């Protein structure tokens, strides 16, 4: 069996890449930039989903303490936004008139 430390560097590199990609996806979700203080009407809640992901990306202590939960939050925001986009597209397709066949048989 291999020493798990052999994978430390590739896992770290892959994780950093995943954080970058997730940050790019999250940038397309307007709600992710909305401050928690505004969302929950509580001025004592700092940050936003996007700022938390940035903190996890750059601060090892924040990553160690809150990384998994912040990643779950970011992934959920991206998934919910994608689901809404799909539902909007499906609704648009359902309301568009169907093209008529050029020839009737």
N, C-alpha and C. Protein backbone atom coordinates (compact mmCIF):
# COMPACT_ATOMS: atom_id res chain seq x y z
N UNK A 1 0.85 -1.18 0.00
CA UNK A 1 0.00 0.00 0.00
C UNK A 1 0.90 1.24 0.00
N UNK A 2 0.52 2.24 -0.77
CA UNK A 2 1.32 3.46 -0.90
C UNK A 2 1.17 4.34 0.33
N UNK A 3 2.22 5.10 0.59
CA UNK A 3 2.19 6.09 1.65
C UNK A 3 1.26 7.23 1.20
N UNK A 4 0.23 7.55 1.98
CA UNK A 4 -0.73 8.58 1.55
C UNK A 4 -0.09 9.95 1.34
N UNK A 5 1.06 10.20 1.93
CA UNK A 5 1.73 11.49 1.76
C UNK A 5 2.20 11.69 0.32
N UNK A 6 2.31 10.59 -0.44
CA UNK A 6 2.69 10.69 -1.85
C UNK A 6 1.69 11.56 -2.61
N UNK A 7 0.47 11.58 -2.14
CA UNK A 7 -0.60 12.31 -2.82
C UNK A 7 -0.79 13.72 -2.31
N UNK A 8 -0.02 14.14 -1.32
CA UNK A 8 -0.20 15.48 -0.75
C UNK A 8 -0.12 16.58 -1.80
N UNK A 9 0.92 16.56 -2.62
CA UNK A 9 1.10 17.63 -3.60
C UNK A 9 0.05 17.59 -4.70
N UNK A 10 -0.22 16.43 -5.33
CA UNK A 10 -1.25 16.46 -6.38
C UNK A 10 -2.63 16.82 -5.84
N UNK A 11 -2.95 16.38 -4.64
CA UNK A 11 -4.25 16.73 -4.06
C UNK A 11 -4.31 18.22 -3.79
N UNK A 12 -3.23 18.79 -3.27
CA UNK A 12 -3.20 20.23 -3.00
C UNK A 12 -3.34 21.03 -4.29
N UNK A 13 -2.61 20.63 -5.32
CA UNK A 13 -2.69 21.33 -6.61
C UNK A 13 -4.10 21.20 -7.18
N UNK A 14 -4.67 20.01 -7.15
CA UNK A 14 -6.03 19.81 -7.66
C UNK A 14 -7.06 20.60 -6.87
N UNK A 15 -6.87 20.66 -5.56
CA UNK A 15 -7.81 21.39 -4.71
C UNK A 15 -7.74 22.89 -5.01
N UNK A 16 -6.54 23.41 -5.19
CA UNK A 16 -6.39 24.83 -5.53
C UNK A 16 -7.07 25.14 -6.87
N UNK A 17 -6.91 24.24 -7.82
CA UNK A 17 -7.56 24.41 -9.12
C UNK A 17 -9.08 24.37 -8.97
N UNK A 18 -9.57 23.44 -8.15
CA UNK A 18 -11.01 23.34 -7.93
C UNK A 18 -11.55 24.60 -7.25
N UNK A 19 -10.80 25.14 -6.30
CA UNK A 19 -11.22 26.39 -5.66
C UNK A 19 -11.32 27.52 -6.67
N UNK A 20 -10.33 27.60 -7.56
CA UNK A 20 -10.34 28.63 -8.59
C UNK A 20 -11.56 28.47 -9.50
N UNK A 21 -11.81 27.23 -9.95
CA UNK A 21 -12.95 26.97 -10.83
C UNK A 21 -14.27 27.26 -10.13
N UNK A 22 -14.38 26.87 -8.87
CA UNK A 22 -15.60 27.13 -8.11
C UNK A 22 -15.80 28.63 -7.92
N UNK A 23 -14.72 29.34 -7.68
CA UNK A 23 -14.81 30.80 -7.58
C UNK A 23 -15.31 31.43 -8.87
N UNK A 24 -14.84 30.92 -10.00
CA UNK A 24 -15.30 31.42 -11.30
C UNK A 24 -16.78 31.13 -11.50
N UNK A 25 -17.22 29.95 -11.12
CA UNK A 25 -18.64 29.61 -11.23
C UNK A 25 -19.48 30.49 -10.30
N UNK A 26 -18.98 30.69 -9.11
CA UNK A 26 -19.71 31.48 -8.12
C UNK A 26 -19.81 32.94 -8.55
N UNK A 27 -18.84 33.42 -9.31
CA UNK A 27 -18.86 34.80 -9.78
C UNK A 27 -20.07 35.06 -10.70
N UNK A 28 -20.60 34.01 -11.31
CA UNK A 28 -21.78 34.15 -12.18
C UNK A 28 -23.10 34.06 -11.42
N UNK A 29 -23.01 33.96 -10.09
CA UNK A 29 -24.21 33.86 -9.25
C UNK A 29 -24.34 35.14 -8.44
N UNK A 30 -25.20 36.06 -8.87
CA UNK A 30 -25.31 37.35 -8.18
C UNK A 30 -25.60 37.24 -6.68
N UNK A 31 -26.40 36.26 -6.30
CA UNK A 31 -26.75 36.10 -4.89
C UNK A 31 -25.53 35.78 -4.02
N UNK A 32 -24.50 35.23 -4.63
CA UNK A 32 -23.31 34.84 -3.87
C UNK A 32 -22.53 36.06 -3.37
N UNK A 33 -22.70 37.19 -4.01
CA UNK A 33 -22.01 38.40 -3.58
C UNK A 33 -22.83 39.20 -2.57
N UNK A 34 -24.06 38.80 -2.39
CA UNK A 34 -24.94 39.51 -1.46
C UNK A 34 -24.48 39.28 -0.02
N UNK A 35 -24.24 40.34 0.74
CA UNK A 35 -23.75 40.18 2.12
C UNK A 35 -24.75 39.43 3.01
N UNK A 36 -24.22 38.61 3.90
CA UNK A 36 -25.07 37.90 4.85
C UNK A 36 -25.87 38.89 5.70
N UNK A 37 -25.25 40.02 6.05
CA UNK A 37 -25.94 41.03 6.87
C UNK A 37 -27.22 41.50 6.19
N UNK A 38 -27.16 41.65 4.87
CA UNK A 38 -28.34 42.07 4.10
C UNK A 38 -29.33 40.92 3.97
N UNK A 39 -28.83 39.74 3.65
CA UNK A 39 -29.69 38.58 3.45
C UNK A 39 -30.50 38.25 4.70
N UNK A 40 -29.83 38.29 5.84
CA UNK A 40 -30.48 37.87 7.09
C UNK A 40 -30.84 39.03 8.01
N UNK A 41 -30.72 40.26 7.49
CA UNK A 41 -31.07 41.46 8.25
C UNK A 41 -30.38 41.46 9.62
N UNK A 42 -29.08 41.14 9.61
CA UNK A 42 -28.30 41.10 10.84
C UNK A 42 -26.94 41.74 10.57
N UNK A 43 -26.72 42.95 11.07
CA UNK A 43 -25.47 43.66 10.78
C UNK A 43 -24.23 42.99 11.37
N UNK A 44 -24.41 42.00 12.21
CA UNK A 44 -23.28 41.32 12.85
C UNK A 44 -22.78 40.12 12.06
N UNK A 45 -23.37 39.86 10.91
CA UNK A 45 -22.94 38.74 10.07
C UNK A 45 -22.03 39.26 8.96
N UNK A 46 -20.73 39.06 9.09
CA UNK A 46 -19.81 39.57 8.06
C UNK A 46 -19.76 38.67 6.83
N UNK A 47 -19.36 39.25 5.72
CA UNK A 47 -19.06 38.48 4.52
C UNK A 47 -20.26 38.09 3.70
N UNK A 48 -19.96 37.30 2.68
CA UNK A 48 -20.94 36.76 1.74
C UNK A 48 -20.43 35.38 1.35
N UNK A 49 -21.23 34.58 0.66
CA UNK A 49 -20.71 33.29 0.20
C UNK A 49 -19.44 33.44 -0.64
N UNK A 50 -19.40 34.45 -1.50
CA UNK A 50 -18.21 34.65 -2.34
C UNK A 50 -17.00 35.04 -1.51
N UNK A 51 -17.18 35.91 -0.53
CA UNK A 51 -16.02 36.32 0.29
C UNK A 51 -15.54 35.19 1.18
N UNK A 52 -16.45 34.33 1.63
CA UNK A 52 -16.03 33.17 2.42
C UNK A 52 -15.20 32.22 1.58
N UNK A 53 -15.60 32.00 0.34
CA UNK A 53 -14.82 31.13 -0.54
C UNK A 53 -13.44 31.72 -0.79
N UNK A 54 -13.38 33.01 -0.95
CA UNK A 54 -12.08 33.66 -1.13
C UNK A 54 -11.21 33.48 0.11
N UNK A 55 -11.81 33.62 1.29
CA UNK A 55 -11.05 33.43 2.52
C UNK A 55 -10.51 32.01 2.62
N UNK A 56 -11.32 31.03 2.26
CA UNK A 56 -10.87 29.63 2.28
C UNK A 56 -9.75 29.42 1.27
N UNK A 57 -9.82 30.14 0.16
CA UNK A 57 -8.81 29.99 -0.88
C UNK A 57 -7.44 30.52 -0.45
N UNK A 58 -7.43 31.56 0.35
CA UNK A 58 -6.15 32.21 0.66
C UNK A 58 -5.66 32.00 2.09
N UNK A 59 -6.52 31.57 2.99
CA UNK A 59 -6.12 31.47 4.40
C UNK A 59 -6.21 30.02 4.89
N UNK A 60 -5.06 29.39 5.14
CA UNK A 60 -5.07 27.99 5.60
C UNK A 60 -5.81 27.78 6.91
N UNK A 61 -5.81 28.77 7.79
CA UNK A 61 -6.51 28.61 9.07
C UNK A 61 -8.02 28.60 8.86
N UNK A 62 -8.51 29.49 8.00
CA UNK A 62 -9.94 29.51 7.69
C UNK A 62 -10.31 28.22 6.98
N UNK A 63 -9.45 27.77 6.07
CA UNK A 63 -9.70 26.52 5.34
C UNK A 63 -9.81 25.35 6.30
N UNK A 64 -8.88 25.28 7.23
CA UNK A 64 -8.89 24.18 8.19
C UNK A 64 -10.12 24.18 9.09
N UNK A 65 -10.54 25.36 9.48
CA UNK A 65 -11.67 25.47 10.41
C UNK A 65 -13.03 25.37 9.72
N UNK A 66 -13.15 26.00 8.55
CA UNK A 66 -14.47 26.13 7.92
C UNK A 66 -14.53 25.66 6.47
N UNK A 67 -13.42 25.15 5.94
CA UNK A 67 -13.32 24.85 4.52
C UNK A 67 -14.44 24.00 3.96
N UNK A 68 -14.73 22.87 4.58
CA UNK A 68 -15.75 21.96 4.03
C UNK A 68 -17.11 22.61 3.98
N UNK A 69 -17.47 23.34 5.02
CA UNK A 69 -18.79 23.97 5.04
C UNK A 69 -18.89 25.11 4.03
N UNK A 70 -17.80 25.86 3.87
CA UNK A 70 -17.81 26.93 2.87
C UNK A 70 -17.91 26.35 1.47
N UNK A 71 -17.18 25.26 1.22
CA UNK A 71 -17.28 24.61 -0.09
C UNK A 71 -18.69 24.11 -0.36
N UNK A 72 -19.33 23.53 0.66
CA UNK A 72 -20.71 23.06 0.50
C UNK A 72 -21.63 24.24 0.20
N UNK A 73 -21.44 25.34 0.89
CA UNK A 73 -22.25 26.54 0.65
C UNK A 73 -22.06 27.03 -0.79
N UNK A 74 -20.82 27.12 -1.23
CA UNK A 74 -20.54 27.62 -2.59
C UNK A 74 -21.10 26.68 -3.64
N UNK A 75 -20.89 25.39 -3.47
CA UNK A 75 -21.42 24.42 -4.44
C UNK A 75 -22.94 24.46 -4.50
N UNK A 76 -23.56 24.62 -3.36
CA UNK A 76 -25.02 24.69 -3.32
C UNK A 76 -25.52 25.94 -4.04
N UNK A 77 -24.86 27.08 -3.82
CA UNK A 77 -25.26 28.31 -4.52
C UNK A 77 -25.16 28.13 -6.04
N UNK A 78 -24.07 27.51 -6.49
CA UNK A 78 -23.88 27.28 -7.92
C UNK A 78 -24.96 26.33 -8.45
N UNK A 79 -25.23 25.25 -7.73
CA UNK A 79 -26.23 24.27 -8.17
C UNK A 79 -27.63 24.87 -8.22
N UNK A 80 -27.99 25.67 -7.22
CA UNK A 80 -29.31 26.30 -7.19
C UNK A 80 -29.45 27.28 -8.36
N UNK A 81 -28.41 28.04 -8.62
CA UNK A 81 -28.45 28.98 -9.75
C UNK A 81 -28.60 28.23 -11.07
N UNK A 82 -27.89 27.13 -11.24
CA UNK A 82 -28.01 26.33 -12.46
C UNK A 82 -29.41 25.74 -12.59
N UNK A 83 -29.97 25.28 -11.48
CA UNK A 83 -31.33 24.73 -11.50
C UNK A 83 -32.33 25.79 -11.93
N UNK A 84 -32.19 26.99 -11.40
CA UNK A 84 -33.10 28.08 -11.79
C UNK A 84 -32.98 28.38 -13.27
N UNK A 85 -31.75 28.39 -13.78
CA UNK A 85 -31.54 28.66 -15.21
C UNK A 85 -32.20 27.58 -16.06
N UNK A 86 -32.05 26.33 -15.65
CA UNK A 86 -32.69 25.23 -16.38
C UNK A 86 -34.21 25.37 -16.37
N UNK A 87 -34.76 25.68 -15.21
CA UNK A 87 -36.21 25.84 -15.11
C UNK A 87 -36.70 26.99 -15.99
N UNK A 88 -35.93 28.09 -16.02
CA UNK A 88 -36.30 29.21 -16.88
C UNK A 88 -36.27 28.80 -18.35
N UNK A 89 -35.25 28.07 -18.76
CA UNK A 89 -35.16 27.61 -20.14
C UNK A 89 -36.30 26.65 -20.48
N UNK A 90 -36.61 25.75 -19.57
CA UNK A 90 -37.73 24.82 -19.81
C UNK A 90 -39.04 25.56 -19.94
N UNK A 91 -39.23 26.58 -19.12
CA UNK A 91 -40.45 27.37 -19.20
C UNK A 91 -40.53 28.12 -20.52
N UNK A 92 -39.40 28.67 -20.96
CA UNK A 92 -39.37 29.36 -22.25
C UNK A 92 -39.70 28.41 -23.38
N UNK A 93 -39.14 27.22 -23.34
CA UNK A 93 -39.42 26.23 -24.39
C UNK A 93 -40.88 25.80 -24.37
N UNK A 94 -41.46 25.70 -23.20
CA UNK A 94 -42.85 25.28 -23.09
C UNK A 94 -43.81 26.34 -23.61
N UNK A 95 -43.42 27.61 -23.53
CA UNK A 95 -44.33 28.67 -23.95
C UNK A 95 -44.12 29.11 -25.39
N UNK A 96 -43.03 28.68 -26.01
CA UNK A 96 -42.79 29.02 -27.41
C UNK A 96 -43.72 28.20 -28.30
N UNK A 97 -44.20 28.82 -29.37
CA UNK A 97 -45.05 28.05 -30.29
C UNK A 97 -44.23 26.97 -30.98
N UNK A 98 -44.88 25.85 -31.18
CA UNK A 98 -44.22 24.72 -31.84
C UNK A 98 -44.13 24.99 -33.33
N UNK A 99 -42.97 24.70 -33.94
CA UNK A 99 -42.86 24.90 -35.40
C UNK A 99 -43.74 23.89 -36.12
N UNK A 100 -44.39 24.37 -37.18
CA UNK A 100 -45.24 23.49 -37.97
C UNK A 100 -44.40 22.75 -39.00
N UNK A 101 -44.80 21.56 -39.26
CA UNK A 101 -44.10 20.76 -40.27
C UNK A 101 -44.33 21.37 -41.63
N UNK A 102 -43.30 21.39 -42.47
CA UNK A 102 -43.40 21.98 -43.81
C UNK A 102 -44.32 21.18 -44.71
N UNK A 103 -44.36 19.89 -44.52
CA UNK A 103 -45.23 19.05 -45.36
C UNK A 103 -46.12 18.21 -44.47
N UNK A 104 -47.38 18.14 -44.86
CA UNK A 104 -48.32 17.29 -44.13
C UNK A 104 -48.54 16.02 -44.93
N UNK A 105 -48.63 14.96 -44.22
CA UNK A 105 -48.88 13.69 -44.90
C UNK A 105 -50.23 13.16 -44.54
